[in-house]
Protein backbone atom coordinates (compact mmCIF):
# COMPACT_ATOMS: atom_id res chain seq x y z
CA MET A 1 -19.95 -18.84 -23.23
CA THR A 2 -22.73 -17.79 -20.89
CA LEU A 3 -23.45 -19.27 -17.49
CA ASP A 4 -26.58 -21.02 -18.73
CA GLN A 5 -24.72 -22.63 -21.62
CA LEU A 6 -21.92 -23.96 -19.46
CA LYS A 7 -22.30 -27.54 -18.33
CA SER A 8 -21.08 -28.33 -14.84
CA PRO A 9 -18.32 -30.90 -14.58
CA GLU A 10 -19.27 -34.32 -13.34
CA LYS A 11 -19.88 -34.60 -9.62
CA LEU A 12 -16.77 -33.43 -7.84
CA GLU A 13 -15.41 -34.84 -4.61
CA TYR A 14 -14.09 -32.43 -2.01
CA ASP A 15 -14.14 -31.77 1.73
CA GLN A 16 -15.61 -28.55 3.07
CA ILE A 17 -13.37 -27.22 5.84
CA LEU A 18 -12.32 -23.91 7.41
CA LEU A 19 -8.90 -22.31 7.19
CA VAL A 20 -8.09 -20.18 10.25
CA ARG A 21 -5.13 -17.80 10.14
CA ILE A 22 -3.21 -16.62 13.19
CA GLY A 23 -1.11 -13.46 13.23
CA GLU A 24 0.84 -12.01 16.16
CA ILE A 25 1.24 -15.48 17.67
CA THR A 26 3.70 -16.40 14.93
CA LEU A 27 6.19 -13.89 16.41
CA LYS A 28 6.33 -15.61 19.80
CA GLY A 29 9.47 -17.64 19.14
CA MET A 30 10.02 -20.58 21.48
CA ASN A 31 6.67 -19.94 23.23
CA ARG A 32 4.68 -19.95 20.02
CA HIS A 33 3.29 -23.47 20.49
CA LYS A 34 1.76 -22.45 23.84
CA PHE A 35 -0.15 -19.61 22.20
CA GLU A 36 -1.27 -21.88 19.36
CA GLN A 37 -2.48 -24.50 21.84
CA GLN A 38 -4.42 -21.82 23.73
CA VAL A 39 -6.14 -20.62 20.53
CA VAL A 40 -7.10 -24.21 19.69
CA SER A 41 -8.38 -24.76 23.23
CA ASN A 42 -10.42 -21.56 23.11
CA MET A 43 -11.87 -22.54 19.74
CA ARG A 44 -12.89 -25.96 21.02
CA PHE A 45 -14.66 -24.32 23.96
CA ARG A 46 -16.53 -21.85 21.75
CA LEU A 47 -17.67 -24.57 19.31
CA ARG A 48 -18.60 -27.21 21.86
CA ASP A 49 -22.36 -26.91 21.30
CA LEU A 50 -22.18 -26.79 17.48
CA GLY A 51 -20.86 -30.27 16.81
CA HIS A 52 -17.73 -32.43 16.84
CA PHE A 53 -14.73 -30.92 15.10
CA ASN A 54 -11.13 -31.80 14.34
CA ILE A 55 -9.06 -28.64 14.98
CA THR A 56 -5.48 -29.03 13.79
CA PRO A 57 -2.69 -26.42 13.79
CA SER A 58 -0.21 -26.65 10.93
CA GLN A 59 2.29 -24.18 9.45
CA SER A 60 0.93 -21.00 11.09
CA ARG A 61 -2.62 -22.03 10.28
CA ILE A 62 -5.41 -23.92 11.95
CA TRP A 63 -7.71 -26.26 10.04
CA VAL A 64 -11.26 -26.94 11.25
CA GLU A 65 -13.26 -29.85 9.87
CA LEU A 66 -16.10 -32.06 11.02
CA ASP A 67 -15.06 -35.07 13.04
CA THR A 68 -15.88 -38.41 11.41
CA ASP A 69 -18.01 -39.20 14.48
CA ASP A 70 -20.20 -36.14 13.86
CA THR A 71 -23.48 -37.47 12.53
CA GLU A 72 -25.16 -34.09 12.06
CA SER A 73 -25.47 -32.67 8.58
CA GLY A 74 -25.06 -29.05 7.60
CA PHE A 75 -21.36 -28.10 7.24
CA LYS A 76 -21.83 -27.29 3.59
CA GLU A 77 -20.83 -23.96 2.07
CA ASN A 78 -22.91 -21.10 3.48
CA SER A 79 -25.03 -23.48 5.57
CA THR A 80 -26.48 -22.13 8.80
CA ARG A 81 -24.11 -24.32 10.77
CA GLN A 82 -21.01 -23.25 8.88
CA LEU A 83 -21.89 -19.56 9.25
CA ALA A 84 -22.45 -20.04 13.00
CA VAL A 85 -19.05 -21.74 13.35
CA ILE A 86 -17.35 -18.90 11.45
CA GLU A 87 -18.99 -16.27 13.70
CA ARG A 88 -17.73 -18.08 16.81
CA ILE A 89 -14.20 -18.46 15.46
CA LYS A 90 -14.02 -14.79 14.38
CA ALA A 91 -14.50 -13.77 18.01
CA VAL A 92 -11.60 -15.88 19.32
CA PHE A 93 -8.70 -13.56 20.05
CA GLY A 94 -5.55 -14.62 18.23
CA VAL A 95 -7.45 -15.36 15.01
CA VAL A 96 -6.74 -12.97 12.12
CA SER A 97 -9.13 -14.33 9.49
CA VAL A 98 -11.22 -17.32 8.45
CA SER A 99 -11.88 -18.83 5.01
CA PRO A 100 -14.34 -21.54 3.96
CA VAL A 101 -12.21 -23.87 1.85
CA ARG A 102 -12.69 -26.76 -0.55
CA ARG A 103 -10.05 -29.46 -0.01
CA PHE A 104 -9.33 -32.15 -2.60
CA SER A 105 -6.52 -34.14 -4.21
CA GLY A 106 -5.53 -34.51 -7.84
CA ASP A 107 -3.66 -32.91 -10.73
CA ILE A 108 -4.07 -29.78 -12.85
CA LYS A 109 -7.14 -31.29 -14.52
CA THR A 110 -8.78 -31.68 -11.12
CA ILE A 111 -7.99 -28.04 -10.30
CA GLU A 112 -9.54 -26.99 -13.62
CA ASN A 113 -12.80 -28.80 -12.92
CA GLN A 114 -12.98 -27.63 -9.32
CA ALA A 115 -12.24 -24.02 -10.33
CA ILE A 116 -14.94 -24.06 -13.03
CA ALA A 117 -17.56 -25.49 -10.66
CA TYR A 118 -16.63 -23.07 -7.87
CA THR A 119 -16.63 -20.04 -10.18
CA LYS A 120 -20.03 -21.00 -11.60
CA GLN A 121 -21.35 -20.98 -8.05
CA LEU A 122 -19.83 -17.55 -7.41
CA LEU A 123 -21.48 -16.21 -10.58
CA ALA A 124 -24.89 -17.76 -9.92
CA ASP A 125 -26.59 -14.35 -9.77
CA GLY A 126 -25.61 -13.71 -13.40
CA HIS A 127 -23.72 -10.47 -12.71
CA SER A 128 -20.40 -9.86 -14.42
CA ARG A 129 -17.26 -9.77 -12.32
CA THR A 130 -13.58 -8.93 -12.48
CA PHE A 131 -11.24 -11.51 -10.99
CA LYS A 132 -7.72 -12.75 -10.53
CA ILE A 133 -6.03 -15.98 -9.44
CA GLU A 134 -3.48 -16.26 -6.63
CA THR A 135 -1.59 -19.53 -6.23
CA ARG A 136 0.75 -20.74 -3.50
CA ARG A 137 2.60 -23.95 -4.26
CA GLY A 138 3.92 -25.29 -0.98
CA ASP A 139 4.39 -28.77 -2.42
CA LYS A 140 7.26 -28.33 -4.89
CA ARG A 141 6.61 -31.76 -6.38
CA PHE A 142 3.64 -30.37 -8.27
CA PRO A 143 4.84 -30.06 -11.90
CA MET A 144 3.67 -26.45 -12.49
CA ASP A 145 4.88 -23.48 -10.46
CA SER A 146 2.59 -20.86 -8.87
CA MET A 147 2.69 -18.41 -11.78
CA GLU A 148 2.02 -21.12 -14.35
CA ILE A 149 -0.97 -22.40 -12.39
CA SER A 150 -2.44 -18.90 -11.97
CA ASN A 151 -2.02 -18.08 -15.67
CA HIS A 152 -3.46 -21.40 -16.76
CA ILE A 153 -6.54 -21.33 -14.51
CA GLY A 154 -7.10 -17.61 -15.09
CA GLY A 155 -7.08 -18.08 -18.84
CA LEU A 156 -9.37 -21.09 -18.60
CA LEU A 157 -11.97 -19.23 -16.51
CA ALA A 158 -11.82 -16.11 -18.69
CA SER A 159 -12.53 -18.32 -21.71
CA GLN A 160 -15.23 -20.45 -20.08
CA PHE A 161 -17.07 -17.42 -18.61
CA SER A 162 -16.27 -14.93 -21.37
CA ASP A 163 -19.56 -13.02 -20.97
CA LEU A 164 -19.24 -12.71 -17.19
CA LEU A 165 -15.56 -12.57 -16.24
CA THR A 166 -12.72 -10.17 -16.94
CA VAL A 167 -9.22 -10.49 -15.54
CA GLN A 168 -8.18 -7.55 -13.36
CA VAL A 169 -5.06 -7.77 -11.23
CA LYS A 170 -5.68 -4.65 -9.11
CA ASN A 171 -8.80 -4.51 -6.93
CA PRO A 172 -10.78 -7.32 -8.59
CA ASP A 173 -14.31 -8.15 -7.51
CA PHE A 174 -13.06 -11.50 -6.26
CA THR A 175 -9.86 -13.49 -6.04
CA LEU A 176 -9.74 -17.24 -6.45
CA TYR A 177 -7.03 -18.63 -4.17
CA ILE A 178 -5.34 -21.95 -4.91
CA GLU A 179 -2.98 -23.52 -2.40
CA ILE A 180 -1.07 -26.72 -3.06
CA ARG A 181 0.18 -28.36 0.12
CA ASP A 182 -0.57 -31.88 1.41
CA HIS A 183 -3.87 -31.42 -0.45
CA ILE A 184 -5.15 -28.80 -2.87
CA TYR A 185 -7.19 -25.98 -1.32
CA LEU A 186 -9.56 -23.68 -3.19
CA TYR A 187 -11.33 -20.62 -1.75
CA SER A 188 -12.35 -17.04 -2.50
CA SER A 189 -13.44 -15.50 0.80
CA ILE A 190 -11.21 -14.14 3.59
CA ILE A 191 -13.31 -13.09 6.58
CA LYS A 192 -11.51 -10.77 8.99
CA ALA A 193 -11.49 -11.56 12.72
CA HIS A 194 -10.56 -9.57 15.85
CA ARG A 195 -6.83 -10.45 15.98
CA GLY A 196 -5.12 -9.98 19.38
CA LEU A 197 -3.70 -12.65 21.69
CA PRO A 198 -5.60 -15.70 22.95
CA SER A 199 -7.49 -15.30 26.20
CA GLY A 200 -5.64 -16.93 29.08
CA THR A 201 -2.12 -16.04 27.93
CA GLY A 202 -1.95 -12.59 29.56
CA GLY A 203 -2.87 -13.29 33.19
CA GLY A 204 -6.10 -12.35 34.94
CA GLY A 205 -7.71 -8.98 35.57
CA LEU A 206 -10.81 -7.68 37.37
CA LEU A 207 -12.94 -5.33 35.26
CA LEU A 208 -14.92 -2.63 37.08
CA LEU A 209 -18.02 -3.03 34.92
CA SER A 210 -20.74 -0.39 34.91
CA GLY A 211 -23.72 -0.06 32.61
CA GLY A 212 -22.07 2.60 30.47
CA ILE A 213 -20.33 2.60 27.11
CA ASP A 214 -16.74 2.71 28.32
CA SER A 215 -16.12 -0.20 30.68
CA PRO A 216 -17.30 -2.98 28.31
CA VAL A 217 -14.94 -1.59 25.65
CA ALA A 218 -12.10 -1.52 28.20
CA GLY A 219 -12.78 -5.17 29.02
CA TYR A 220 -12.79 -6.11 25.35
CA MET A 221 -9.48 -4.31 24.77
CA MET A 222 -7.69 -6.02 27.66
CA ALA A 223 -9.14 -9.40 26.71
CA SER A 224 -7.72 -8.82 23.22
CA ARG A 225 -4.26 -8.76 24.81
CA GLY A 226 -4.77 -12.24 26.25
CA MET A 227 -6.13 -11.24 29.67
CA LYS A 228 -8.64 -13.55 31.33
CA LEU A 229 -11.46 -11.40 32.71
CA GLU A 230 -13.56 -11.39 35.81
CA ALA A 231 -15.88 -8.44 36.46
CA ILE A 232 -17.26 -6.56 39.44
CA TYR A 233 -20.44 -4.46 39.46
CA PHE A 234 -21.65 -2.23 42.32
CA HIS A 235 -25.44 -2.37 42.65
CA ALA A 236 -27.38 0.02 44.90
CA PHE A 237 -30.97 -1.15 44.90
CA PRO A 238 -33.47 0.57 45.15
CA PHE A 239 -31.49 3.65 44.03
CA THR A 240 -30.53 1.64 40.95
CA SER A 241 -33.12 -0.71 39.49
CA ASP A 242 -32.97 -4.41 38.78
CA GLN A 243 -33.14 -3.39 35.13
CA ALA A 244 -29.76 -1.70 35.61
CA LYS A 245 -28.40 -4.93 37.08
CA GLN A 246 -29.77 -6.97 34.17
CA LYS A 247 -28.21 -4.49 31.76
CA VAL A 248 -24.78 -5.20 33.26
CA ILE A 249 -25.39 -8.96 33.10
CA ASP A 250 -26.30 -8.55 29.42
CA LEU A 251 -23.11 -6.55 28.82
CA ALA A 252 -21.08 -9.29 30.50
CA HIS A 253 -22.65 -11.79 28.09
CA LEU A 254 -21.64 -9.63 25.13
CA ILE A 255 -18.04 -9.32 26.37
CA ALA A 256 -17.89 -13.06 27.05
CA ARG A 257 -18.38 -13.72 23.32
CA PHE A 258 -14.79 -12.51 22.95
CA SER A 259 -13.17 -13.12 26.34
CA GLY A 260 -14.67 -16.49 27.16
CA ARG A 261 -16.48 -17.37 30.38
CA ILE A 262 -16.63 -14.53 32.94
CA GLN A 263 -17.24 -14.57 36.67
CA LEU A 264 -19.41 -11.50 37.42
CA HIS A 265 -19.31 -10.36 41.05
CA ILE A 266 -22.28 -8.15 42.02
CA VAL A 267 -21.69 -6.11 45.18
CA ASN A 268 -24.64 -4.91 47.25
CA PHE A 269 -23.43 -1.32 47.59
CA THR A 270 -26.56 0.35 48.98
CA ASP A 271 -25.66 0.63 52.68
CA ILE A 272 -22.11 1.66 51.88
CA GLN A 273 -23.29 4.37 49.52
CA ILE A 274 -25.73 5.76 52.10
CA THR A 275 -22.93 5.88 54.67
CA LEU A 276 -20.68 7.76 52.26
CA ARG A 277 -23.47 10.21 51.50
CA ASP A 278 -24.10 10.91 55.18
CA GLN A 279 -20.48 11.20 56.33
CA CYS A 280 -18.53 12.75 53.44
CA PRO A 281 -18.47 16.28 51.93
CA PRO A 282 -20.92 16.40 48.99
CA ASP A 283 -18.35 17.76 46.55
CA MET A 284 -16.06 14.79 47.33
CA MET A 285 -18.76 12.12 47.17
CA THR A 286 -17.78 10.84 43.71
CA ILE A 287 -14.07 10.60 44.57
CA VAL A 288 -14.67 8.91 47.93
CA MET A 289 -17.08 6.46 46.31
CA ARG A 290 -14.54 5.60 43.60
CA ARG A 291 -11.89 5.03 46.26
CA MET A 292 -14.23 2.71 48.16
CA MET A 293 -14.98 0.77 44.99
CA MET A 294 -11.27 0.52 44.32
CA ARG A 295 -10.61 -0.85 47.83
CA ILE A 296 -13.29 -3.53 47.51
CA SER A 297 -12.17 -4.42 43.98
CA ASP A 298 -8.53 -4.60 45.01
CA GLN A 299 -9.23 -6.97 47.88
CA LEU A 300 -11.54 -9.13 45.75
CA ALA A 301 -8.83 -9.32 43.10
CA GLU A 302 -6.41 -10.47 45.79
CA GLN A 303 -8.82 -13.21 46.86
CA ARG A 304 -9.36 -14.30 43.25
CA GLY A 305 -5.68 -14.32 42.32
CA LEU A 306 -6.10 -11.54 39.74
CA LYS A 307 -3.07 -9.37 39.04
CA ALA A 308 -4.66 -6.13 37.77
CA LEU A 309 -7.75 -3.94 37.89
CA ILE A 310 -9.33 -2.60 34.68
CA THR A 311 -11.48 0.52 34.33
CA GLY A 312 -13.06 2.39 31.42
CA GLU A 313 -11.79 5.81 32.45
CA SER A 314 -10.59 8.33 29.86
CA LEU A 315 -8.51 11.31 30.92
CA GLY A 316 -10.64 14.42 31.45
CA GLN A 317 -13.87 12.86 30.20
CA VAL A 318 -15.82 13.60 33.42
CA ALA A 319 -15.07 15.27 36.75
CA SER A 320 -13.90 12.04 38.39
CA GLN A 321 -11.42 11.37 35.57
CA THR A 322 -9.08 14.33 35.86
CA LEU A 323 -5.44 13.47 36.48
CA GLU A 324 -5.71 14.49 40.14
CA ALA A 325 -8.84 12.37 40.62
CA LEU A 326 -7.19 9.33 39.03
CA VAL A 327 -4.16 9.73 41.26
CA THR A 328 -6.29 9.75 44.41
CA THR A 329 -8.06 6.52 43.38
CA ASP A 330 -4.86 4.79 42.23
CA GLN A 331 -3.34 5.43 45.65
CA ILE A 332 -5.74 2.86 47.08
CA ALA A 333 -4.82 -0.04 44.79
CA THR A 334 -2.05 -2.51 45.55
CA ARG A 335 -1.95 -3.77 41.95
CA PRO A 336 -1.78 -2.08 38.54
CA VAL A 337 -4.87 -0.27 37.29
CA PHE A 338 -5.18 -0.66 33.50
CA ARG A 339 -7.11 2.05 31.65
CA PRO A 340 -6.97 1.11 27.96
CA LEU A 341 -9.25 4.02 26.99
CA ILE A 342 -7.18 6.67 28.74
CA GLY A 343 -6.17 8.48 25.53
CA LEU A 344 -9.33 7.90 23.49
CA ASP A 345 -12.11 10.42 22.93
CA LYS A 346 -15.74 9.37 23.19
CA ASP A 347 -16.20 8.94 19.45
CA ASP A 348 -13.33 6.43 19.34
CA THR A 349 -14.86 4.45 22.18
CA VAL A 350 -18.32 4.50 20.61
CA THR A 351 -16.86 3.19 17.35
CA ILE A 352 -15.39 0.18 19.16
CA ALA A 353 -18.61 -0.34 21.16
CA ARG A 354 -20.60 -0.49 17.93
CA LYS A 355 -18.07 -2.87 16.41
CA ILE A 356 -18.32 -5.36 19.30
CA GLY A 357 -22.08 -5.00 19.71
CA THR A 358 -22.25 -3.45 23.21
CA PHE A 359 -23.33 0.08 22.27
CA GLU A 360 -27.10 -0.47 22.00
CA THR A 361 -27.20 -2.20 25.39
CA SER A 362 -24.96 0.41 27.04
CA ILE A 363 -27.25 3.30 26.08
CA LEU A 364 -30.38 1.75 27.62
CA PRO A 365 -31.70 4.35 30.11
CA TYR A 366 -30.98 2.55 33.39
CA GLU A 367 -28.67 4.45 35.75
CA ASP A 368 -25.85 2.81 37.67
CA CYS A 369 -24.82 3.67 41.20
CA CYS A 370 -22.15 6.13 40.06
CA THR A 371 -24.89 8.55 38.97
CA VAL A 372 -26.69 8.49 42.34
CA PHE A 373 -25.95 11.15 45.00
CA VAL A 374 -23.61 13.03 42.65
CA ALA A 375 -23.02 16.65 43.70
CA LYS A 376 -24.01 19.46 41.36
CA HIS A 377 -20.47 20.83 41.58
CA PRO A 378 -18.05 17.96 42.31
CA LYS A 379 -14.43 18.75 43.05
CA THR A 380 -12.52 18.17 39.84
CA HIS A 381 -8.93 18.55 41.06
CA PRO A 382 -8.82 16.91 44.50
CA SER A 383 -5.55 16.40 46.29
CA LEU A 384 -4.73 13.19 48.08
CA ARG A 385 -4.80 15.13 51.37
CA ILE A 386 -8.35 16.34 50.73
CA ALA A 387 -9.46 12.83 49.81
CA ILE A 388 -8.06 11.38 53.04
CA GLU A 389 -9.63 14.18 55.10
CA SER A 390 -12.99 13.50 53.44
CA GLU A 391 -12.86 9.90 54.71
CA ILE A 392 -11.92 10.75 58.28
CA HIS A 393 -15.29 9.79 59.76
CA LEU A 394 -15.52 6.47 57.91
CA ASP A 395 -14.74 3.03 59.34
CA ILE A 396 -13.09 2.02 56.08
CA GLU A 397 -12.10 -1.49 57.15
CA ALA A 398 -15.66 -2.28 58.25
CA LEU A 399 -17.16 -0.88 55.04
CA VAL A 400 -14.83 -2.92 52.86
CA LYS A 401 -15.56 -6.05 54.87
CA ASP A 402 -19.29 -5.37 54.51
CA GLY A 403 -18.95 -4.98 50.75
CA LEU A 404 -16.97 -8.21 50.37
CA SER A 405 -19.56 -10.11 52.45
CA LYS A 406 -22.45 -9.04 50.19
CA ILE A 407 -21.36 -10.36 46.79
CA GLU A 408 -23.45 -12.40 44.41
CA THR A 409 -21.31 -14.17 41.80
CA LEU A 410 -22.68 -15.27 38.44
CA THR A 411 -20.94 -17.42 35.85
CA ILE A 412 -21.48 -15.77 32.47
CA ASP A 413 -21.10 -18.03 29.43
CA ALA A 414 -22.02 -16.34 26.16
CA PHE A 415 -22.90 -19.62 24.45
CA SER A 416 -24.74 -21.39 27.22
CA THR A 417 -28.44 -22.02 26.70
CA SER A 418 -29.12 -21.84 30.45
CA SER A 419 -29.42 -18.80 32.70
CA PRO A 420 -26.30 -17.44 34.43
CA GLU A 421 -25.24 -19.76 37.20
CA ALA A 422 -24.99 -18.24 40.69
CA LEU A 423 -22.10 -19.37 42.86
């Protein structure tokens, strides 16, 4: 029978909800409920401007449905609202995948009618498909087991849509999933998310955020391990433009889609950078500047109660990222310095940047302060002794105090309709 010849069953009653799967969290033993609660909390925060939702964890899954008090319409399959909700949920770390699901109650006859109506919708373009049925019967009171249900519904659909459907167990064009629990659930789409651990479960870290490709990726990677991020950016106007500053603010917005709200601390670095230029050997300028940034970042992290610093450095990528150079900057910090990109090459980093949507912003042609006053031939293998000798004429304590006194802090919320809020 063709699609045009097939009559739709009478109007069917079902609820349109979302099934959210969690992964690594399920391995957390006695602490698992804390991670689940954090995922739910993070989801509520991300969805707060899209409506009123009931978000309920159950059996390693989270169910999202419209609250009965929500008077807005538009949570139907593939509606603009539903797609927006799915995009927000996908970006919550801890979520493995999302599926739009039809939920209903009934017997095998109800499943037949729902499956026929759903399949007709999937085949609306008139193209032939291969398919299979996968059933999970959690409620053992249902009179047919999983295999019997799959065989029965598969045979029914193959007969009803004989001109358009062919059963294929391996690599079908689509799979129709049937789950029998407290209700019956029917779906065909599994949308992959970013996995990881929920933000807020891994402590807090301060990201040294530049306008380049690497540091936003580093922030994303640490946020994916549950770390709550704040960020620091060193701005040297007029040597770096306000466009460069806006670029970093835009990057913080993009990271915040995954990490949640970010406090972005913008340091007025101009006077400090001029002092370093005038009083330090040119070939050590980059190293001394990195050490000064590390000092200011370390003390700000102390003030903010953050336990680690995060950078986008990759071993050997540029002159300031040789092993010796990294050792001389690490010597300054009183807390761990996390470098999640340390073993990646540039192509790997670019791949992640494209995936998370930061690449196009990162390559905008606005220089950050790290590219100003750079020597033609910087020292690539500095010793700690040389670094200390290069700073001998500096009043380091005064410079750090000056940097900490000239900070503008913005609250970056990826889903706020207002401009970043200055603190």
